[in-house]
Structures are given as C-alpha cells and as structure tokens.
N, C-alpha and C. Protein backbone atom coordinates (compact mmCIF):
# COMPACT_ATOMS: atom_id res chain seq x y z
N MET A 1 -61.65 72.18 -38.43
CA MET A 1 -60.36 72.84 -38.39
C MET A 1 -59.27 71.78 -38.52
N ALA A 2 -58.37 71.95 -39.52
CA ALA A 2 -57.31 70.98 -39.79
C ALA A 2 -56.13 71.22 -38.87
N THR A 3 -55.50 70.15 -38.47
CA THR A 3 -54.32 70.29 -37.61
C THR A 3 -53.08 70.47 -38.47
N ALA A 4 -52.01 70.91 -37.85
CA ALA A 4 -50.74 71.13 -38.57
C ALA A 4 -50.18 69.82 -39.10
N ALA A 5 -50.38 68.73 -38.37
CA ALA A 5 -49.87 67.44 -38.80
C ALA A 5 -50.57 66.95 -40.06
N ALA A 6 -51.85 67.26 -40.18
CA ALA A 6 -52.62 66.84 -41.35
C ALA A 6 -52.22 67.64 -42.59
N ALA A 7 -51.69 68.84 -42.41
CA ALA A 7 -51.32 69.71 -43.53
C ALA A 7 -49.98 69.33 -44.15
N VAL A 8 -49.16 68.53 -43.44
CA VAL A 8 -47.85 68.15 -43.94
C VAL A 8 -48.02 67.05 -44.99
N GLN A 9 -47.53 67.30 -46.18
CA GLN A 9 -47.61 66.33 -47.26
C GLN A 9 -46.30 65.58 -47.38
N PRO A 10 -46.32 64.28 -47.59
CA PRO A 10 -45.06 63.55 -47.78
C PRO A 10 -44.41 63.96 -49.09
N GLN A 11 -43.08 64.05 -49.07
CA GLN A 11 -42.34 64.43 -50.27
C GLN A 11 -42.08 63.21 -51.12
N ILE A 12 -42.13 63.40 -52.42
CA ILE A 12 -41.84 62.31 -53.35
C ILE A 12 -40.35 62.33 -53.62
N VAL A 13 -39.73 61.17 -53.47
CA VAL A 13 -38.29 61.04 -53.68
C VAL A 13 -38.05 60.35 -55.01
N GLU A 14 -37.17 60.94 -55.82
CA GLU A 14 -36.84 60.35 -57.11
C GLU A 14 -35.51 59.62 -57.03
N ASN A 15 -35.42 58.52 -57.75
CA ASN A 15 -34.14 57.82 -57.83
C ASN A 15 -33.22 58.60 -58.75
N VAL A 16 -31.99 58.79 -58.31
CA VAL A 16 -31.02 59.54 -59.09
C VAL A 16 -29.84 58.62 -59.39
N THR A 17 -29.41 58.63 -60.63
CA THR A 17 -28.25 57.83 -61.02
C THR A 17 -26.99 58.48 -60.46
N PRO A 18 -26.08 57.70 -59.88
CA PRO A 18 -24.83 58.29 -59.37
C PRO A 18 -24.08 59.01 -60.49
N GLN A 19 -23.51 60.16 -60.15
CA GLN A 19 -22.78 60.95 -61.14
C GLN A 19 -21.32 60.52 -61.24
N VAL A 20 -20.83 59.82 -60.25
CA VAL A 20 -19.42 59.42 -60.24
C VAL A 20 -19.34 57.91 -60.39
N LYS A 21 -18.59 57.48 -61.38
CA LYS A 21 -18.39 56.05 -61.57
C LYS A 21 -16.93 55.73 -61.29
N PRO A 22 -16.68 54.67 -60.55
CA PRO A 22 -15.29 54.26 -60.34
C PRO A 22 -14.63 53.89 -61.67
N GLN A 23 -13.37 54.19 -61.77
CA GLN A 23 -12.60 53.85 -62.96
C GLN A 23 -11.74 52.63 -62.65
N GLU A 24 -11.72 51.69 -63.56
CA GLU A 24 -10.88 50.51 -63.40
C GLU A 24 -9.82 50.53 -64.49
N ILE A 25 -8.57 50.54 -64.07
CA ILE A 25 -7.44 50.71 -64.98
C ILE A 25 -6.48 49.54 -64.77
N SER A 26 -6.00 48.99 -65.87
CA SER A 26 -4.98 47.92 -65.79
C SER A 26 -3.88 48.22 -66.79
N PHE A 27 -2.65 47.90 -66.42
CA PHE A 27 -1.50 48.08 -67.31
C PHE A 27 -0.37 47.17 -66.84
N PRO A 28 0.56 46.85 -67.74
CA PRO A 28 1.70 46.01 -67.33
C PRO A 28 2.54 46.74 -66.27
N PHE A 29 2.83 46.04 -65.19
CA PHE A 29 3.63 46.63 -64.12
C PHE A 29 5.07 46.72 -64.60
N PRO A 30 5.68 47.90 -64.53
CA PRO A 30 7.04 48.07 -65.04
C PRO A 30 8.04 47.13 -64.36
N LYS A 31 8.90 46.54 -65.17
CA LYS A 31 10.02 45.71 -64.69
C LYS A 31 9.59 44.46 -63.93
N ALA A 32 8.31 44.10 -64.00
CA ALA A 32 7.85 42.87 -63.35
C ALA A 32 7.26 41.99 -64.45
N LEU A 33 7.98 40.97 -64.82
CA LEU A 33 7.63 40.12 -65.95
C LEU A 33 6.24 39.49 -65.78
N HIS A 34 5.39 39.68 -66.77
CA HIS A 34 4.04 39.10 -66.82
C HIS A 34 3.15 39.53 -65.65
N THR A 35 3.39 40.66 -65.09
CA THR A 35 2.59 41.14 -63.96
C THR A 35 1.78 42.36 -64.40
N MET A 36 0.48 42.33 -64.10
CA MET A 36 -0.40 43.45 -64.43
C MET A 36 -0.72 44.22 -63.14
N ALA A 37 -0.72 45.53 -63.24
CA ALA A 37 -1.16 46.38 -62.13
C ALA A 37 -2.62 46.73 -62.37
N HIS A 38 -3.41 46.74 -61.31
CA HIS A 38 -4.83 47.05 -61.40
C HIS A 38 -5.14 48.19 -60.43
N ILE A 39 -5.84 49.20 -60.94
CA ILE A 39 -6.23 50.35 -60.12
C ILE A 39 -7.73 50.49 -60.18
N HIS A 40 -8.36 50.61 -59.03
CA HIS A 40 -9.78 50.92 -58.91
C HIS A 40 -9.82 52.33 -58.31
N LEU A 41 -10.24 53.30 -59.10
CA LEU A 41 -10.10 54.72 -58.74
C LEU A 41 -11.45 55.41 -58.70
N THR A 42 -11.74 56.06 -57.59
CA THR A 42 -12.95 56.87 -57.46
C THR A 42 -12.52 58.28 -57.08
N LEU A 43 -12.83 59.24 -57.95
CA LEU A 43 -12.47 60.64 -57.72
C LEU A 43 -13.73 61.43 -57.37
N LEU A 44 -13.74 62.01 -56.19
CA LEU A 44 -14.84 62.86 -55.75
C LEU A 44 -14.31 64.28 -55.57
N ASP A 45 -15.20 65.22 -55.34
CA ASP A 45 -14.76 66.60 -55.13
C ASP A 45 -13.99 66.76 -53.82
N THR A 46 -14.35 65.95 -52.82
CA THR A 46 -13.76 66.13 -51.49
C THR A 46 -12.72 65.09 -51.11
N CYS A 47 -12.63 64.00 -51.87
CA CYS A 47 -11.63 62.97 -51.56
C CYS A 47 -11.48 62.02 -52.75
N ALA A 48 -10.50 61.16 -52.66
CA ALA A 48 -10.28 60.13 -53.68
C ALA A 48 -10.06 58.80 -52.98
N THR A 49 -10.52 57.74 -53.62
CA THR A 49 -10.33 56.39 -53.10
C THR A 49 -9.61 55.58 -54.17
N VAL A 50 -8.54 54.92 -53.76
CA VAL A 50 -7.71 54.15 -54.69
C VAL A 50 -7.48 52.76 -54.10
N PHE A 51 -7.71 51.74 -54.91
CA PHE A 51 -7.38 50.37 -54.52
C PHE A 51 -6.40 49.83 -55.55
N LEU A 52 -5.29 49.27 -55.09
CA LEU A 52 -4.22 48.79 -55.97
C LEU A 52 -3.97 47.30 -55.74
N ALA A 53 -3.74 46.59 -56.84
CA ALA A 53 -3.43 45.17 -56.77
C ALA A 53 -2.63 44.78 -58.00
N THR A 54 -2.05 43.61 -57.96
CA THR A 54 -1.35 43.06 -59.13
C THR A 54 -1.88 41.66 -59.38
N SER A 55 -1.66 41.19 -60.61
CA SER A 55 -2.01 39.82 -60.95
C SER A 55 -1.00 39.28 -61.94
N THR A 56 -0.86 37.98 -61.95
CA THR A 56 0.02 37.30 -62.90
C THR A 56 -0.79 36.22 -63.60
N PRO A 57 -0.33 35.77 -64.77
CA PRO A 57 -1.09 34.75 -65.50
C PRO A 57 -1.34 33.47 -64.70
N GLY A 58 -0.51 33.15 -63.74
CA GLY A 58 -0.68 31.93 -62.94
C GLY A 58 -1.71 32.04 -61.84
N ASP A 59 -2.24 33.24 -61.59
CA ASP A 59 -3.24 33.41 -60.53
C ASP A 59 -4.54 32.73 -60.93
N SER A 60 -5.08 31.90 -60.03
CA SER A 60 -6.36 31.27 -60.33
C SER A 60 -7.49 32.17 -59.89
N ALA A 61 -8.61 32.07 -60.57
CA ALA A 61 -9.76 32.94 -60.29
C ALA A 61 -10.32 32.72 -58.89
N GLY A 62 -10.20 31.52 -58.35
CA GLY A 62 -10.77 31.24 -57.04
C GLY A 62 -9.82 31.44 -55.89
N SER A 63 -8.58 31.83 -56.16
CA SER A 63 -7.61 31.97 -55.07
C SER A 63 -7.87 33.23 -54.27
N VAL A 64 -7.60 33.16 -53.00
CA VAL A 64 -7.81 34.29 -52.10
C VAL A 64 -6.47 34.98 -51.89
N LYS A 65 -6.47 36.30 -52.11
CA LYS A 65 -5.25 37.09 -51.90
C LYS A 65 -5.45 37.97 -50.67
N PRO A 66 -4.37 38.33 -50.01
CA PRO A 66 -4.51 39.22 -48.85
C PRO A 66 -4.99 40.60 -49.28
N MET A 67 -5.75 41.25 -48.41
CA MET A 67 -6.28 42.58 -48.70
C MET A 67 -5.19 43.63 -48.78
N GLY A 68 -4.15 43.49 -48.04
CA GLY A 68 -3.11 44.51 -48.01
C GLY A 68 -3.43 45.58 -46.98
N SER A 69 -2.76 46.70 -47.09
CA SER A 69 -2.93 47.79 -46.13
C SER A 69 -3.96 48.80 -46.63
N PHE A 70 -4.53 49.54 -45.69
CA PHE A 70 -5.48 50.60 -46.02
C PHE A 70 -5.05 51.85 -45.26
N ILE A 71 -4.72 52.91 -46.00
CA ILE A 71 -4.15 54.13 -45.42
C ILE A 71 -5.03 55.33 -45.77
N TYR A 72 -5.18 56.23 -44.82
CA TYR A 72 -5.87 57.51 -45.03
C TYR A 72 -4.82 58.61 -44.92
N ALA A 73 -4.74 59.46 -45.92
CA ALA A 73 -3.80 60.59 -45.88
C ALA A 73 -4.55 61.88 -46.19
N MET A 74 -4.17 62.94 -45.51
CA MET A 74 -4.82 64.23 -45.74
C MET A 74 -3.80 65.36 -45.62
N PRO A 75 -4.05 66.47 -46.34
CA PRO A 75 -3.13 67.61 -46.24
C PRO A 75 -3.22 68.26 -44.86
N ASP A 76 -2.11 68.78 -44.41
CA ASP A 76 -2.07 69.54 -43.15
C ASP A 76 -2.52 70.96 -43.46
N ARG A 77 -3.52 71.45 -42.75
CA ARG A 77 -4.06 72.79 -43.02
C ARG A 77 -3.06 73.90 -42.72
N THR A 78 -2.17 73.66 -41.76
CA THR A 78 -1.22 74.71 -41.38
C THR A 78 0.05 74.69 -42.21
N ASN A 79 0.40 73.54 -42.79
CA ASN A 79 1.60 73.43 -43.59
C ASN A 79 1.31 72.55 -44.81
N PRO A 80 1.08 73.14 -45.98
CA PRO A 80 0.69 72.36 -47.15
C PRO A 80 1.73 71.32 -47.59
N ARG A 81 2.99 71.48 -47.22
CA ARG A 81 4.02 70.51 -47.59
C ARG A 81 3.96 69.26 -46.71
N ASN A 82 3.31 69.37 -45.56
CA ASN A 82 3.22 68.26 -44.63
C ASN A 82 1.94 67.46 -44.91
N ILE A 83 2.06 66.15 -44.92
CA ILE A 83 0.92 65.27 -45.13
C ILE A 83 0.72 64.42 -43.88
N ILE A 84 -0.50 64.38 -43.40
CA ILE A 84 -0.84 63.58 -42.23
C ILE A 84 -1.43 62.26 -42.73
N SER A 85 -0.93 61.15 -42.22
CA SER A 85 -1.49 59.87 -42.64
C SER A 85 -1.72 58.98 -41.43
N THR A 86 -2.68 58.10 -41.58
CA THR A 86 -2.94 57.13 -40.52
C THR A 86 -3.23 55.78 -41.16
N THR A 87 -2.80 54.75 -40.50
CA THR A 87 -3.02 53.39 -40.99
C THR A 87 -4.36 52.90 -40.45
N LEU A 88 -5.27 52.59 -41.35
CA LEU A 88 -6.57 52.06 -40.94
C LEU A 88 -6.53 50.54 -40.85
N TYR A 89 -5.75 49.92 -41.73
CA TYR A 89 -5.53 48.48 -41.67
C TYR A 89 -4.09 48.21 -42.06
N ASN A 90 -3.41 47.40 -41.27
CA ASN A 90 -1.98 47.19 -41.45
C ASN A 90 -1.68 45.78 -41.93
N SER A 91 -1.01 45.70 -43.07
CA SER A 91 -0.44 44.44 -43.55
C SER A 91 1.05 44.73 -43.71
N PRO A 92 1.90 44.11 -42.90
CA PRO A 92 3.32 44.46 -42.89
C PRO A 92 3.99 44.47 -44.25
N ALA A 93 3.58 43.60 -45.16
CA ALA A 93 4.24 43.50 -46.46
C ALA A 93 3.96 44.71 -47.37
N SER A 94 2.84 45.41 -47.14
CA SER A 94 2.47 46.48 -48.06
C SER A 94 2.28 47.84 -47.41
N VAL A 95 2.43 47.96 -46.10
CA VAL A 95 2.09 49.21 -45.43
C VAL A 95 2.99 50.38 -45.86
N GLU A 96 4.28 50.15 -46.04
CA GLU A 96 5.18 51.23 -46.43
C GLU A 96 4.87 51.73 -47.85
N TYR A 97 4.69 50.80 -48.76
CA TYR A 97 4.38 51.13 -50.16
C TYR A 97 3.05 51.89 -50.24
N THR A 98 2.04 51.43 -49.51
CA THR A 98 0.73 52.06 -49.50
C THR A 98 0.79 53.47 -48.93
N THR A 99 1.51 53.63 -47.83
CA THR A 99 1.65 54.95 -47.21
C THR A 99 2.34 55.93 -48.15
N ARG A 100 3.37 55.46 -48.82
CA ARG A 100 4.10 56.32 -49.76
C ARG A 100 3.18 56.81 -50.88
N ILE A 101 2.41 55.90 -51.46
CA ILE A 101 1.49 56.29 -52.54
C ILE A 101 0.42 57.24 -52.03
N ALA A 102 -0.15 56.97 -50.85
CA ALA A 102 -1.19 57.84 -50.28
C ALA A 102 -0.67 59.26 -50.06
N LYS A 103 0.54 59.38 -49.53
CA LYS A 103 1.10 60.71 -49.27
C LYS A 103 1.41 61.45 -50.57
N ILE A 104 1.93 60.76 -51.56
CA ILE A 104 2.24 61.41 -52.84
C ILE A 104 0.95 61.92 -53.49
N LEU A 105 -0.08 61.08 -53.52
CA LEU A 105 -1.35 61.48 -54.15
C LEU A 105 -2.00 62.64 -53.40
N THR A 106 -1.92 62.62 -52.08
CA THR A 106 -2.49 63.71 -51.28
C THR A 106 -1.75 65.02 -51.54
N ARG A 107 -0.43 64.95 -51.61
CA ARG A 107 0.36 66.15 -51.86
C ARG A 107 0.02 66.74 -53.23
N ARG A 108 -0.16 65.89 -54.23
CA ARG A 108 -0.42 66.38 -55.59
C ARG A 108 -1.85 66.84 -55.81
N THR A 109 -2.82 66.15 -55.20
CA THR A 109 -4.23 66.52 -55.41
C THR A 109 -4.72 67.55 -54.39
N ARG A 110 -4.06 67.63 -53.26
CA ARG A 110 -4.42 68.54 -52.17
C ARG A 110 -5.81 68.22 -51.58
N ILE A 111 -6.20 66.94 -51.65
CA ILE A 111 -7.42 66.47 -51.00
C ILE A 111 -7.09 65.18 -50.24
N PRO A 112 -7.95 64.79 -49.29
CA PRO A 112 -7.73 63.52 -48.60
C PRO A 112 -7.82 62.34 -49.57
N VAL A 113 -7.00 61.33 -49.33
CA VAL A 113 -6.96 60.15 -50.20
C VAL A 113 -6.96 58.90 -49.32
N TYR A 114 -7.81 57.96 -49.69
CA TYR A 114 -7.83 56.63 -49.08
C TYR A 114 -7.15 55.69 -50.07
N VAL A 115 -6.17 54.92 -49.61
CA VAL A 115 -5.48 53.99 -50.49
C VAL A 115 -5.46 52.60 -49.85
N GLY A 116 -5.99 51.65 -50.59
CA GLY A 116 -5.90 50.24 -50.21
C GLY A 116 -4.95 49.58 -51.21
N CYS A 117 -3.98 48.82 -50.72
CA CYS A 117 -2.97 48.28 -51.62
C CYS A 117 -2.48 46.93 -51.13
N SER A 118 -2.50 45.95 -52.03
CA SER A 118 -1.97 44.63 -51.68
C SER A 118 -0.66 44.35 -52.41
N ILE A 119 -0.07 45.37 -53.03
CA ILE A 119 1.18 45.20 -53.75
C ILE A 119 2.34 45.08 -52.76
N ASP A 120 3.08 44.01 -52.88
CA ASP A 120 4.27 43.79 -52.07
C ASP A 120 5.48 43.77 -53.02
N PRO A 121 6.21 44.90 -53.14
CA PRO A 121 7.32 44.96 -54.08
C PRO A 121 8.41 43.93 -53.79
N THR A 122 8.57 43.56 -52.54
CA THR A 122 9.58 42.57 -52.18
C THR A 122 9.21 41.20 -52.75
N ALA A 123 7.94 40.85 -52.69
CA ALA A 123 7.48 39.56 -53.22
C ALA A 123 7.62 39.51 -54.74
N LEU A 124 7.59 40.68 -55.40
CA LEU A 124 7.76 40.72 -56.84
C LEU A 124 9.23 40.57 -57.23
N GLY A 125 10.11 40.61 -56.24
CA GLY A 125 11.54 40.44 -56.49
C GLY A 125 12.16 41.64 -57.19
N GLN A 126 11.66 42.83 -56.88
CA GLN A 126 12.16 44.04 -57.54
C GLN A 126 13.27 44.71 -56.74
N THR A 127 14.16 45.36 -57.48
CA THR A 127 15.17 46.20 -56.84
C THR A 127 14.50 47.51 -56.43
N VAL A 128 15.20 48.34 -55.69
CA VAL A 128 14.66 49.63 -55.26
C VAL A 128 14.31 50.49 -56.48
N GLU A 129 15.16 50.48 -57.48
CA GLU A 129 14.92 51.29 -58.68
C GLU A 129 13.68 50.80 -59.42
N GLU A 130 13.52 49.48 -59.52
CA GLU A 130 12.34 48.92 -60.19
C GLU A 130 11.07 49.21 -59.40
N GLU A 131 11.18 49.14 -58.08
CA GLU A 131 10.04 49.46 -57.21
C GLU A 131 9.60 50.91 -57.41
N MET A 132 10.58 51.81 -57.47
CA MET A 132 10.27 53.23 -57.66
C MET A 132 9.66 53.49 -59.05
N GLU A 133 10.11 52.75 -60.04
CA GLU A 133 9.55 52.91 -61.38
C GLU A 133 8.07 52.49 -61.40
N GLY A 134 7.75 51.40 -60.69
CA GLY A 134 6.36 50.96 -60.58
C GLY A 134 5.50 51.97 -59.83
N LEU A 135 6.02 52.49 -58.73
CA LEU A 135 5.31 53.50 -57.95
C LEU A 135 5.06 54.75 -58.79
N THR A 136 6.07 55.19 -59.53
CA THR A 136 5.95 56.38 -60.39
C THR A 136 4.88 56.16 -61.45
N LYS A 137 4.86 54.98 -62.06
CA LYS A 137 3.87 54.68 -63.09
C LYS A 137 2.46 54.72 -62.52
N ILE A 138 2.26 54.14 -61.34
CA ILE A 138 0.95 54.16 -60.70
C ILE A 138 0.50 55.59 -60.43
N VAL A 139 1.38 56.39 -59.83
CA VAL A 139 1.04 57.78 -59.52
C VAL A 139 0.75 58.57 -60.80
N ASP A 140 1.57 58.37 -61.84
CA ASP A 140 1.36 59.09 -63.10
C ASP A 140 0.01 58.75 -63.73
N VAL A 141 -0.37 57.48 -63.72
CA VAL A 141 -1.66 57.07 -64.29
C VAL A 141 -2.81 57.71 -63.51
N ILE A 142 -2.73 57.68 -62.18
CA ILE A 142 -3.79 58.26 -61.36
C ILE A 142 -3.86 59.77 -61.56
N MET A 143 -2.71 60.44 -61.58
CA MET A 143 -2.70 61.90 -61.75
C MET A 143 -3.22 62.32 -63.14
N LYS A 144 -2.95 61.51 -64.14
CA LYS A 144 -3.48 61.80 -65.48
C LYS A 144 -5.01 61.75 -65.44
N ARG A 145 -5.58 60.76 -64.78
CA ARG A 145 -7.04 60.67 -64.64
C ARG A 145 -7.58 61.83 -63.81
N TRP A 146 -6.83 62.23 -62.79
CA TRP A 146 -7.23 63.37 -61.95
C TRP A 146 -7.31 64.64 -62.80
N GLU A 147 -6.31 64.87 -63.61
CA GLU A 147 -6.27 66.07 -64.46
C GLU A 147 -7.38 66.03 -65.52
N GLU A 148 -7.63 64.85 -66.07
CA GLU A 148 -8.69 64.71 -67.08
C GLU A 148 -10.07 64.94 -66.47
N SER A 149 -10.22 64.67 -65.19
CA SER A 149 -11.53 64.84 -64.54
C SER A 149 -11.86 66.30 -64.30
N GLY A 150 -10.86 67.19 -64.41
CA GLY A 150 -11.09 68.62 -64.19
C GLY A 150 -11.24 69.00 -62.74
N LYS A 151 -10.83 68.16 -61.82
CA LYS A 151 -10.99 68.44 -60.40
C LYS A 151 -9.84 69.26 -59.82
N LYS A 152 -8.79 69.47 -60.60
CA LYS A 152 -7.64 70.21 -60.08
C LYS A 152 -7.97 71.61 -59.86
C-alpha cells in the first residue's frame, strides 16, 4: 500500500524569459549646454520604476556620482486628484525635483511610481523656467512610452 507522500510527484519548472524589459532613453537636456538626460524606465501593469540622471562630456567613466533621492508615489483611493508620496531615500539636492516628477507621473498614469533621481537643477545653473522645461521634457518622454506600451 503506497503512502500519500510517495504519490506526490515533483513538478518540473521551466525557465521563462522576462516579458518586460527596461527601456533606456537618452536625449539632450533642454537649456543645459552639452548635458544629456538619461532615463531607465520599467513599465509594469501595477507600477512603474524610473531612474533619472544626467551626464556631460567631461564626466569620467570611473567617477562616482551621488545616487540622488528615491521617492514612492501612489494615487489616493479616496481622492484621485490627491497623490500620496513618501521619501525612501533623501538627497537634499534632488528630493524636491524627484518628488515633483513622481507625483506628476502618478497622477497621469494612475499607478504607483518609484522614482530615483540624481538630477540637481541648481547645480546645472538653470533658471526656474529652464528647470521646468527639463522636467516637462522628461515627463513627456516617459508618458509617450507609457502610451506606446498600451498600459493606459
């Protein structure tokens, strides 16, 4: 007589290729001479992850740059116009810029968004108008990819 434990067969597990690949996007940062903006974007059904950075031709490959801030933002279930955000890692130079981008992306996509950003608009020597133009360009590029992904 066979026992119940002997009747259990181990399941065969197959390796599956990930269906979502992160997108890496680079473009000239508006109004910042010789500065490139870099976006590492992962769009999932339930959330999005965005990492933002800039580079200039003088940056050496071996130099260490600060990580910047890391913000989590999510829609408020009771009030869709309200966005709840929390700082997971704080870098004073980039926390405001990162929070602003996280809240805008969350409001537009209506899903939680994680944003890591080392962009310091003050260090780039930008005026408020130039800073806003850069922020708008970043959001527009990400939203275009969001719409192309069909996740809206």
